[in-house]
Amino acid sequence: MKKIDREGYKILKQLVSDVQGAPYPNVIENELYKIWYEHAQVVAIECLEYIDKNFPNDKKPGKFPKF
């Protein structure tokens, strides 16, 4: 596994947070958006699980917020 630096870790977590905060599909009447939303949510969850598994030391209080 390649290593990720602190800045990359923070950027990755922010990206996942932004994707998970996307407007729910019922707000936007667009079939392509609904498809994207479902896939983006699945990938965001996989990303968070990966981060939790591969960066266990960052779960300590005061470092980064736990998702």
C-alpha atoms as a PDB file:
ATOM      1  CA  MET A   1       0.000   0.000   0.000  1.00  0.00           C
ATOM      2  CA  LYS A   2       1.230   3.468  -0.831  1.00  0.00           C
ATOM      3  CA  LYS A   3       1.460   5.992   1.966  1.00  0.00           C
ATOM      4  CA  ILE A   4      -0.615   9.162   2.030  1.00  0.00           C
ATOM      5  CA  ASP A   5       0.607  12.314   3.727  1.00  0.00           C
ATOM      6  CA  ARG A   6      -1.384  14.395   6.209  1.00  0.00           C
ATOM      7  CA  GLU A   7      -2.505  16.925   3.593  1.00  0.00           C
ATOM      8  CA  GLY A   8      -3.718  14.193   1.233  1.00  0.00           C
ATOM      9  CA  TYR A   9      -5.576  12.530   4.100  1.00  0.00           C
ATOM     10  CA  LYS A  10      -7.371  15.765   4.992  1.00  0.00           C
ATOM     11  CA  ILE A  11      -8.265  16.419   1.342  1.00  0.00           C
ATOM     12  CA  LEU A  12      -9.618  12.890   0.924  1.00  0.00           C
ATOM     13  CA  LYS A  13     -11.805  13.175   4.018  1.00  0.00           C
ATOM     14  CA  GLN A  14     -13.104  16.570   2.866  1.00  0.00           C
ATOM     15  CA  LEU A  15     -13.957  15.154  -0.563  1.00  0.00           C
ATOM     16  CA  VAL A  16     -15.886  12.274   0.981  1.00  0.00           C
ATOM     17  CA  SER A  17     -17.708  14.703   3.264  1.00  0.00           C
ATOM     18  CA  ASP A  18     -18.638  16.926   0.320  1.00  0.00           C
ATOM     19  CA  VAL A  19     -19.919  13.974  -1.721  1.00  0.00           C
ATOM     20  CA  GLN A  20     -21.996  12.711   1.181  1.00  0.00           C
ATOM     21  CA  GLY A  21     -23.463  16.206   1.583  1.00  0.00           C
ATOM     22  CA  ALA A  22     -24.754  16.345  -1.999  1.00  0.00           C
ATOM     23  CA  PRO A  23     -28.465  17.183  -2.332  1.00  0.00           C
ATOM     24  CA  TYR A  24     -30.742  14.174  -2.132  1.00  0.00           C
ATOM     25  CA  PRO A  25     -32.050  13.109  -5.599  1.00  0.00           C
ATOM     26  CA  ASN A  26     -35.650  14.070  -4.775  1.00  0.00           C
ATOM     27  CA  VAL A  27     -34.529  17.710  -4.727  1.00  0.00           C
ATOM     28  CA  ILE A  28     -33.172  17.536  -8.283  1.00  0.00           C
ATOM     29  CA  GLU A  29     -35.352  15.965 -10.980  1.00  0.00           C
ATOM     30  CA  ASN A  30     -32.623  14.477 -13.155  1.00  0.00           C
ATOM     31  CA  GLU A  31     -32.195  10.747 -13.777  1.00  0.00           C
ATOM     32  CA  LEU A  32     -28.432  11.034 -14.374  1.00  0.00           C
ATOM     33  CA  TYR A  33     -28.039  12.857 -11.060  1.00  0.00           C
ATOM     34  CA  LYS A  34     -29.937  10.083  -9.260  1.00  0.00           C
ATOM     35  CA  ILE A  35     -27.639   7.455 -10.793  1.00  0.00           C
ATOM     36  CA  TRP A  36     -24.525   9.478  -9.905  1.00  0.00           C
ATOM     37  CA  TYR A  37     -25.772  10.066  -6.366  1.00  0.00           C
ATOM     38  CA  GLU A  38     -26.284   6.371  -5.663  1.00  0.00           C
ATOM     39  CA  HIS A  39     -22.833   5.436  -6.980  1.00  0.00           C
ATOM     40  CA  ALA A  40     -21.137   8.352  -5.209  1.00  0.00           C
ATOM     41  CA  GLN A  41     -22.655   7.381  -1.859  1.00  0.00           C
ATOM     42  CA  VAL A  42     -21.470   3.777  -2.208  1.00  0.00           C
ATOM     43  CA  VAL A  43     -17.933   4.887  -3.083  1.00  0.00           C
ATOM     44  CA  ALA A  44     -17.886   7.442  -0.253  1.00  0.00           C
ATOM     45  CA  ILE A  45     -18.786   4.736   2.261  1.00  0.00           C
ATOM     46  CA  GLU A  46     -16.102   2.425   0.847  1.00  0.00           C
ATOM     47  CA  CYS A  47     -13.585   5.262   1.127  1.00  0.00           C
ATOM     48  CA  LEU A  48     -14.435   5.898   4.770  1.00  0.00           C
ATOM     49  CA  GLU A  49     -14.149   2.191   5.547  1.00  0.00           C
ATOM     50  CA  TYR A  50     -10.741   2.134   3.833  1.00  0.00           C
ATOM     51  CA  ILE A  51      -9.569   5.148   5.841  1.00  0.00           C
ATOM     52  CA  ASP A  52     -10.759   3.583   9.107  1.00  0.00           C
ATOM     53  CA  LYS A  53      -8.986   0.309   8.286  1.00  0.00           C
ATOM     54  CA  ASN A  54      -5.693   1.761   7.029  1.00  0.00           C
ATOM     55  CA  PHE A  55      -5.276   4.762   9.318  1.00  0.00           C
ATOM     56  CA  PRO A  56      -6.221   3.410  12.763  1.00  0.00           C
ATOM     57  CA  ASN A  57      -3.909   5.810  14.621  1.00  0.00           C
ATOM     58  CA  ASP A  58      -5.866   8.795  13.313  1.00  0.00           C
ATOM     59  CA  LYS A  59      -8.937   7.761  15.304  1.00  0.00           C
ATOM     60  CA  LYS A  60      -7.458   9.285  18.457  1.00  0.00           C
ATOM     61  CA  PRO A  61      -9.442  12.240  19.842  1.00  0.00           C
ATOM     62  CA  GLY A  62      -8.167  15.635  18.762  1.00  0.00           C
ATOM     63  CA  LYS A  63      -6.692  14.558  15.433  1.00  0.00           C
ATOM     64  CA  PHE A  64      -9.412  14.323  12.794  1.00  0.00           C
ATOM     65  CA  PRO A  65     -13.165  14.038  13.182  1.00  0.00           C
ATOM     66  CA  LYS A  66     -14.432  10.443  13.047  1.00  0.00           C
ATOM     67  CA  PHE A  67     -17.001   9.836  10.372  1.00  0.00           C
END
